[in-house]
């Protein structure tokens, strides 16, 4: 599936307006699966309505942008649907400046080809608003590489929407050393987690750009740094796990880089984007565009503050989607990513202090097809995952 097409989906965020449910647990802080009424959730009828304000218990709300489908209705309970936005994206690039980036790839070095592609990507209007930062590894001379993440912990450019700063940084970089990928990824993860903590309202991914798989350099024989593929895979897997997990994309430039797929898989991005030494600039640009399209799929949605300043009742929040027309299907609430299965669903990024709603992979795939639409409705009791 080409997830770049996900941008066609319609997103509706939530506001705290009175609803029509009589659920006795309506004041609980968060919805819980298998709560009262969950056994029949699979039979809940979801349709759409013009949201007539004369309907008992309903409010007309702001339905701008909803089109002819109107607002969602749950067995007669009409919620309030509001247009909103998906979470903005940040990309932290960990860039390989090992000596092999100086190899000729048709009249220019591999480094020059990648620099040209990255410049075109960053100046593309489609990249506007995306935050980008960059750090480097492979910066020590041959034979003096370091496996200490601290050597790569400081970004050359912190995440910013000023893409010219990143372009200038790339233009000034010079390949010199070897490929201590595991240490570099640990450093990137540490920075990315701190950045995500500082800016929880934004999504953040790591992009590893490299022209080689990690392997033992000459210095390893003398008891020095010994990078391995297994170490890089472990570093990426560790970064992707836990409540502060960060996914890692991999863009490999050069021959015989299939092993980089293991790093991408550990980083929860399935497989690496691999580019050989032919038409490098065009192919790297195409890969960067594909990564951008994949990373911005609308599977994490912001929870905005209600416009009237009131508190949002998280127990009266529902998500519905349609793959065509106005035939909407509910996506049920689940506790966490671990509760996702082939039926899909959604969950809060942090159950104790929600800042965003995240979709289970199956639901994410459903809403990423052309013509799909997705919306949140506020005011009717949350539909938990049915008991089977």
Protein backbone atom coordinates (compact mmCIF):
# COMPACT_ATOMS: atom_id res chain seq x y z
CA UNK A 1 0.00 0.00 0.00
CA UNK A 2 1.31 3.46 -0.87
CA UNK A 3 0.86 5.29 2.38
CA UNK A 4 1.82 8.59 0.78
CA UNK A 5 -1.81 8.62 -0.35
CA UNK A 6 -2.88 8.88 3.26
CA UNK A 7 -2.93 12.65 2.94
CA UNK A 8 -6.30 12.29 1.24
CA UNK A 9 -7.94 11.26 4.52
CA UNK A 10 -10.23 13.72 6.32
CA UNK A 11 -9.50 14.38 9.97
CA UNK A 12 -11.87 15.56 12.63
CA UNK A 13 -10.65 16.32 16.15
CA UNK A 14 -12.63 16.69 19.32
CA UNK A 15 -14.04 19.38 21.58
CA UNK A 16 -15.68 19.15 25.00
CA UNK A 17 -19.37 19.69 24.42
CA UNK A 18 -22.28 18.01 26.22
CA UNK A 19 -23.19 14.58 24.95
CA UNK A 20 -26.22 12.36 25.15
CA UNK A 21 -25.00 9.19 26.84
CA UNK A 22 -26.54 7.99 30.07
CA UNK A 23 -23.50 5.83 30.94
CA UNK A 24 -23.08 5.97 34.71
CA UNK A 25 -19.34 5.90 34.30
CA UNK A 26 -19.33 9.06 32.20
CA UNK A 27 -17.19 10.98 34.69
CA UNK A 28 -14.30 8.50 34.78
CA UNK A 29 -10.99 9.94 33.65
CA UNK A 30 -10.40 7.49 30.80
CA UNK A 31 -12.43 4.84 29.00
CA UNK A 32 -11.67 1.26 29.97
CA UNK A 33 -12.22 -1.82 27.83
CA UNK A 34 -14.89 -4.29 29.00
CA UNK A 35 -16.64 -1.59 31.00
CA UNK A 36 -20.39 -1.52 31.41
CA UNK A 37 -22.12 -1.96 28.08
CA UNK A 38 -19.07 -3.27 26.20
CA UNK A 39 -20.44 -6.73 25.55
CA UNK A 40 -22.84 -5.41 22.94
CA UNK A 41 -20.43 -2.94 21.38
CA UNK A 42 -20.00 -5.04 18.27
CA UNK A 43 -23.66 -4.44 17.41
CA UNK A 44 -23.54 -0.67 17.75
CA UNK A 45 -24.94 1.02 14.69
CA UNK A 46 -22.96 3.97 13.41
CA UNK A 47 -24.52 6.21 10.80
CA UNK A 48 -24.36 9.87 9.87
CA UNK A 49 -26.79 12.66 10.46
CA UNK A 50 -27.20 16.31 9.73
CA UNK A 51 -26.96 16.78 13.50
CA UNK A 52 -30.32 18.49 13.93
CA UNK A 53 -30.04 20.65 17.07
CA UNK A 54 -33.63 19.71 17.98
CA UNK A 55 -32.57 16.09 18.58
CA UNK A 56 -32.65 15.47 22.36
CA UNK A 57 -29.21 15.47 23.90
CA UNK A 58 -27.40 16.61 20.77
CA UNK A 59 -25.62 19.82 19.86
CA UNK A 60 -25.10 21.12 16.35
CA UNK A 61 -21.40 21.80 16.91
CA UNK A 62 -19.00 22.89 14.20
CA UNK A 63 -19.40 20.55 11.24
CA UNK A 64 -17.41 22.61 8.78
CA UNK A 65 -15.36 20.44 6.50
CA UNK A 66 -17.46 17.33 7.09
CA UNK A 67 -19.06 17.43 3.66
CA UNK A 68 -22.36 15.81 2.82
CA UNK A 69 -21.87 12.98 5.33
CA UNK A 70 -22.75 15.16 8.34
CA UNK A 71 -21.95 14.06 11.90
CA UNK A 72 -21.60 10.56 13.36
CA UNK A 73 -24.52 8.99 15.24
CA UNK A 74 -24.31 6.02 17.63
CA UNK A 75 -27.64 4.23 17.98
CA UNK A 76 -29.40 7.58 18.11
CA UNK A 77 -26.80 9.42 20.19
CA UNK A 78 -25.43 12.21 18.03
CA UNK A 79 -21.94 13.38 18.94
CA UNK A 80 -20.18 16.57 17.95
CA UNK A 81 -17.62 16.37 15.15
CA UNK A 82 -14.93 18.97 14.69
CA UNK A 83 -12.33 19.48 12.01
CA UNK A 84 -8.76 19.08 13.27
CA UNK A 85 -5.22 18.18 12.29
CA UNK A 86 -2.82 15.28 12.48
CA UNK A 87 0.31 15.62 14.60
CA UNK A 88 3.08 17.65 12.86
CA UNK A 89 6.24 15.74 11.99
CA UNK A 90 9.91 16.13 12.98
CA UNK A 91 12.77 14.13 11.42
CA UNK A 92 16.15 13.74 13.08
CA UNK A 93 18.77 12.61 10.55
CA UNK A 94 21.81 10.63 11.69
CA UNK A 95 24.14 11.01 8.72
CA UNK A 96 27.06 8.75 7.82
CA UNK A 97 30.24 10.62 6.87
CA UNK A 98 32.43 7.55 6.49
CA UNK A 99 35.20 7.72 3.88
CA UNK A 100 33.31 5.61 1.34
CA UNK A 101 30.94 8.54 0.78
CA UNK A 102 33.76 9.91 -1.43
CA UNK A 103 33.36 7.05 -3.94
CA UNK A 104 32.60 8.12 -7.50
CA UNK A 105 29.01 7.53 -8.64
CA UNK A 106 29.07 8.86 -12.19
CA UNK A 107 31.05 12.09 -12.24
CA UNK A 108 30.38 13.10 -8.64
CA UNK A 109 30.99 11.64 -5.23
CA UNK A 110 28.32 9.73 -3.40
CA UNK A 111 28.30 12.56 -0.86
CA UNK A 112 27.67 15.21 -3.52
CA UNK A 113 24.81 13.19 -4.98
CA UNK A 114 23.17 12.79 -1.59
CA UNK A 115 23.69 16.47 -0.76
CA UNK A 116 21.94 17.47 -3.99
CA UNK A 117 19.00 15.16 -3.29
CA UNK A 118 18.66 16.30 0.31
CA UNK A 119 18.71 19.96 -0.77
CA UNK A 120 15.91 19.36 -3.29
CA UNK A 121 13.92 17.46 -0.68
CA UNK A 122 14.27 20.12 2.00
CA UNK A 123 13.33 22.93 -0.41
CA UNK A 124 10.31 21.05 -1.71
CA UNK A 125 7.11 22.86 -0.66
CA UNK A 126 5.78 19.47 0.50
CA UNK A 127 8.44 19.53 3.24
CA UNK A 128 7.37 22.91 4.56
CA UNK A 129 6.45 22.76 8.23
CA UNK A 130 8.34 19.52 8.85
CA UNK A 131 11.01 19.96 11.51
CA UNK A 132 14.44 18.59 10.52
CA UNK A 133 17.65 18.20 12.51
CA UNK A 134 20.93 16.50 11.68
CA UNK A 135 23.84 14.84 13.45
CA UNK A 136 26.86 13.01 12.04
CA UNK A 137 28.88 9.87 12.65
CA UNK A 138 31.97 8.51 10.96
CA UNK A 139 33.65 11.79 11.81
CA UNK A 140 36.87 10.43 13.33
CA UNK A 141 39.87 9.55 11.13
CA UNK A 142 40.22 5.99 9.85
CA UNK A 143 41.44 3.75 12.66
CA UNK A 144 40.26 6.14 15.38
CA UNK A 145 36.53 5.50 15.40
CA UNK A 146 34.60 5.62 18.67
CA UNK A 147 31.84 3.35 19.97
CA UNK A 148 30.90 5.89 22.63
CA UNK A 149 27.43 7.36 21.90
CA UNK A 150 28.61 10.53 23.56
CA UNK A 151 30.83 11.19 20.56
CA UNK A 152 27.71 11.67 18.40
CA UNK A 153 25.28 13.05 20.97
CA UNK A 154 25.42 16.70 19.91
CA UNK A 155 23.39 17.53 16.80
CA UNK A 156 25.07 19.75 14.26
CA UNK A 157 21.66 21.33 13.71
CA UNK A 158 18.90 20.86 16.27
CA UNK A 159 15.44 20.08 14.92
CA UNK A 160 14.14 23.18 13.18
CA UNK A 161 11.78 24.22 10.41
CA UNK A 162 14.63 26.36 9.02
CA UNK A 163 15.71 23.86 6.38
CA UNK A 164 18.42 26.15 5.03
CA UNK A 165 20.38 25.55 8.22
CA UNK A 166 20.35 21.80 7.54
CA UNK A 167 21.31 22.34 3.88
CA UNK A 168 24.28 24.50 4.95
CA UNK A 169 25.36 21.86 7.45
CA UNK A 170 25.33 19.14 4.79
CA UNK A 171 27.25 21.31 2.36
CA UNK A 172 30.00 21.82 4.94
CA UNK A 173 30.34 18.15 5.95
CA UNK A 174 33.27 16.09 4.72
CA UNK A 175 33.54 12.27 4.77
CA UNK A 176 36.47 11.04 6.83
CA UNK A 177 36.01 7.93 8.94
CA UNK A 178 34.34 4.58 9.55
CA UNK A 179 30.82 3.32 10.38
CA UNK A 180 30.05 2.99 14.14
CA UNK A 181 26.31 2.73 13.46
CA UNK A 182 25.18 1.29 16.79
CA UNK A 183 26.76 4.08 18.82
CA UNK A 184 25.40 6.69 16.43
CA UNK A 185 21.87 5.30 16.70
CA UNK A 186 22.03 5.32 20.50
CA UNK A 187 23.06 8.97 20.37
CA UNK A 188 20.27 9.78 17.91
CA UNK A 189 17.75 8.01 20.11
CA UNK A 190 18.83 9.92 23.22
CA UNK A 191 18.50 13.24 21.41
CA UNK A 192 15.18 12.24 19.82
CA UNK A 193 13.65 11.21 23.13
CA UNK A 194 14.68 14.48 24.77
CA UNK A 195 13.26 16.40 21.80
CA UNK A 196 10.00 14.45 21.95
CA UNK A 197 9.70 15.13 25.68
CA UNK A 198 10.25 18.83 25.07
CA UNK A 199 7.73 18.91 22.21
CA UNK A 200 5.10 16.22 22.91
CA UNK A 201 2.68 17.91 20.54
CA UNK A 202 4.83 16.79 17.56
CA UNK A 203 5.67 13.36 16.17
CA UNK A 204 9.37 12.55 15.73
CA UNK A 205 11.21 9.87 13.76
CA UNK A 206 14.87 9.07 13.22
CA UNK A 207 16.28 8.75 9.70
CA UNK A 208 19.55 6.86 9.38
CA UNK A 209 21.32 7.83 6.13
CA UNK A 210 24.31 5.61 5.44
CA UNK A 211 26.34 4.11 2.62
CA UNK A 212 27.54 1.05 4.48
CA UNK A 213 26.63 -1.58 7.02
CA UNK A 214 28.46 -1.48 10.34
CA UNK A 215 31.54 -3.70 10.34
CA UNK A 216 34.74 -4.08 12.33
CA UNK A 217 37.47 -1.61 11.27
CA UNK A 218 41.20 -2.11 11.46
CA UNK A 219 41.27 -0.61 14.95
CA UNK A 220 39.15 -3.48 16.24
CA UNK A 221 42.09 -5.87 16.07
CA UNK A 222 43.98 -3.63 18.48
CA UNK A 223 41.18 -3.71 21.02
CA UNK A 224 39.46 -0.59 19.77
CA UNK A 225 35.87 0.08 18.69
CA UNK A 226 34.23 -2.91 16.99
CA UNK A 227 30.88 -1.91 15.35
CA UNK A 228 28.65 -4.81 14.30
CA UNK A 229 25.31 -5.15 12.54
CA UNK A 230 23.86 -6.97 15.57
CA UNK A 231 24.77 -4.05 17.81
CA UNK A 232 23.09 -1.58 15.45
CA UNK A 233 19.96 -3.74 15.31
CA UNK A 234 19.82 -3.90 19.11
CA UNK A 235 20.28 -0.14 19.44
CA UNK A 236 17.42 0.48 17.03
CA UNK A 237 15.12 -2.06 18.69
CA UNK A 238 15.79 -0.56 22.12
CA UNK A 239 14.95 2.90 20.80
CA UNK A 240 11.63 1.75 19.32
CA UNK A 241 10.35 0.09 22.50
CA UNK A 242 8.69 1.50 25.58
CA UNK A 243 6.38 4.44 26.17
CA UNK A 244 8.99 6.80 24.71
CA UNK A 245 9.73 4.63 21.70
CA UNK A 246 11.03 6.31 18.53
CA UNK A 247 10.86 4.59 15.15
CA UNK A 248 13.83 4.60 12.77
CA UNK A 249 13.78 4.83 8.98
CA UNK A 250 16.84 3.70 7.03
CA UNK A 251 18.09 5.06 3.70
CA UNK A 252 21.06 3.13 2.34
CA UNK A 253 23.12 4.42 -0.60
CA UNK A 254 25.53 2.02 -2.28
CA UNK A 255 25.86 -1.64 -3.26
CA UNK A 256 25.19 -4.74 -1.16
CA UNK A 257 23.27 -3.09 1.65
CA UNK A 258 20.46 -5.62 2.10
CA UNK A 259 21.55 -6.15 5.70
CA UNK A 260 20.25 -2.67 6.50
CA UNK A 261 16.76 -4.15 6.29
CA UNK A 262 17.41 -5.69 9.70
CA UNK A 263 17.95 -2.25 11.22
CA UNK A 264 14.77 -0.88 9.64
CA UNK A 265 12.73 -3.85 10.83
CA UNK A 266 14.06 -3.38 14.37
CA UNK A 267 13.08 0.29 14.08
CA UNK A 268 9.49 -0.71 13.20
CA UNK A 269 9.63 0.67 9.65
CA UNK A 270 9.54 -2.74 7.92
CA UNK A 271 12.45 -2.42 5.46
CA UNK A 272 15.18 -0.03 4.38
CA UNK A 273 15.02 2.26 1.37
CA UNK A 274 18.01 1.12 -0.68
CA UNK A 275 19.62 3.08 -3.52
CA UNK A 276 22.47 1.75 -5.65
CA UNK A 277 25.19 3.77 -7.36
CA UNK A 278 23.18 4.58 -10.50
CA UNK A 279 21.24 7.86 -10.78
CA UNK A 280 21.95 8.44 -7.11
CA UNK A 281 20.57 11.97 -6.80
CA UNK A 282 17.22 11.11 -8.41
CA UNK A 283 16.86 7.84 -6.53
CA UNK A 284 17.78 9.31 -3.15
CA UNK A 285 15.27 12.12 -3.71
CA UNK A 286 12.59 9.56 -4.58
CA UNK A 287 13.44 7.60 -1.43
CA UNK A 288 13.28 10.72 0.74
CA UNK A 289 9.89 11.60 -0.72
CA UNK A 290 8.65 8.07 0.01
CA UNK A 291 9.93 8.25 3.59
CA UNK A 292 8.23 11.60 4.10
CA UNK A 293 4.99 10.16 2.75
CA UNK A 294 5.22 7.14 5.02
CA UNK A 295 6.19 9.14 8.11
CA UNK A 296 3.35 11.65 7.81
CA UNK A 297 0.56 9.11 7.44
CA UNK A 298 -2.21 10.36 9.73
CA UNK A 299 -2.06 7.60 12.31
CA UNK A 300 -1.33 9.87 15.26
CA UNK A 301 -3.81 12.67 15.92
CA UNK A 302 -3.50 15.68 18.18
CA UNK A 303 -5.91 16.17 21.06
CA UNK A 304 -6.68 19.90 20.89
CA UNK A 305 -7.77 21.99 23.83
CA UNK A 306 -11.51 22.71 23.77
CA UNK A 307 -12.20 26.18 22.44
CA UNK A 308 -14.43 27.06 25.40
CA UNK A 309 -11.68 26.26 27.90
CA UNK A 310 -13.53 23.35 29.50
CA UNK A 311 -12.03 19.95 30.25
CA UNK A 312 -12.33 17.22 27.64
CA UNK A 313 -14.20 14.12 28.83
CA UNK A 314 -12.04 11.31 27.44
CA UNK A 315 -14.73 8.73 28.22
CA UNK A 316 -17.03 10.28 25.60
CA UNK A 317 -14.74 10.10 22.63
CA UNK A 318 -15.21 7.92 19.55
CA UNK A 319 -13.41 7.37 16.29
CA UNK A 320 -15.16 6.31 13.10
CA UNK A 321 -13.85 5.87 9.58
CA UNK A 322 -15.05 5.14 6.09
CA UNK A 323 -13.20 3.70 3.11
CA UNK A 324 -15.78 5.14 0.71
CA UNK A 325 -18.86 7.30 0.89
CA UNK A 326 -20.67 7.80 4.18
CA UNK A 327 -20.71 4.20 5.41
CA UNK A 328 -18.80 4.69 8.66
CA UNK A 329 -17.33 1.94 10.82
CA UNK A 330 -16.34 2.39 14.48
CA UNK A 331 -12.74 1.94 15.55
CA UNK A 332 -12.86 0.67 19.12
CA UNK A 333 -10.80 1.93 22.03
CA UNK A 334 -8.03 -0.39 23.31
CA UNK A 335 -5.72 0.04 26.30
CA UNK A 336 -2.43 0.31 24.43
CA UNK A 337 -0.48 -0.72 21.34
CA UNK A 338 -0.10 -4.18 22.90
CA UNK A 339 -3.87 -4.64 22.70
CA UNK A 340 -4.01 -3.99 18.95
CA UNK A 341 -4.89 -6.93 16.72
CA UNK A 342 -6.15 -7.49 13.19
CA UNK A 343 -9.43 -5.77 14.13
CA UNK A 344 -7.59 -2.49 14.65
CA UNK A 345 -8.63 0.23 17.07
CA UNK A 346 -7.11 3.27 18.76
CA UNK A 347 -5.46 4.20 22.05
CA UNK A 348 -4.01 7.18 23.89
CA UNK A 349 -0.29 7.93 23.62
CA UNK A 350 -0.21 8.29 27.43
CA UNK A 351 -3.23 6.91 29.34
CA UNK A 352 -2.46 9.09 32.35
CA UNK A 353 -1.96 12.37 30.48
CA UNK A 354 -3.18 11.97 26.88
CA UNK A 355 -1.71 14.33 24.31
CA UNK A 356 -2.53 12.34 21.17
CA UNK A 357 -4.57 9.45 19.85
CA UNK A 358 -2.74 6.69 18.00
CA UNK A 359 -4.24 4.19 15.58
CA UNK A 360 -3.58 0.47 15.63
CA UNK A 361 -1.77 -0.72 12.46
CA UNK A 362 -4.86 -2.35 10.95
CA UNK A 363 -6.94 0.82 11.32
CA UNK A 364 -4.01 2.93 10.12
CA UNK A 365 -3.89 0.83 6.95
CA UNK A 366 -7.65 1.17 6.48
CA UNK A 367 -7.63 4.97 6.61
CA UNK A 368 -4.51 5.27 4.44
CA UNK A 369 -6.20 4.26 1.20
CA UNK A 370 -7.42 6.82 -1.35
CA UNK A 371 -10.85 8.21 -0.55
CA UNK A 372 -10.85 7.12 3.09
CA UNK A 373 -12.07 9.49 5.79
CA UNK A 374 -11.60 9.54 9.55
CA UNK A 375 -13.24 11.55 12.26
CA UNK A 376 -13.62 11.84 15.99
CA UNK A 377 -16.95 12.38 17.69
CA UNK A 378 -17.37 13.82 21.19
CA UNK A 379 -20.41 13.34 23.41
CA UNK A 380 -21.36 9.66 23.21
CA UNK A 381 -19.91 7.02 25.53
CA UNK A 382 -16.67 5.57 24.18
CA UNK A 383 -17.03 2.24 22.39
CA UNK A 384 -14.50 -0.17 23.91
CA UNK A 385 -13.21 -3.26 22.12
CA UNK A 386 -15.99 -5.88 22.19
CA UNK A 387 -15.63 -8.87 24.49
CA UNK A 388 -15.22 -12.02 22.41
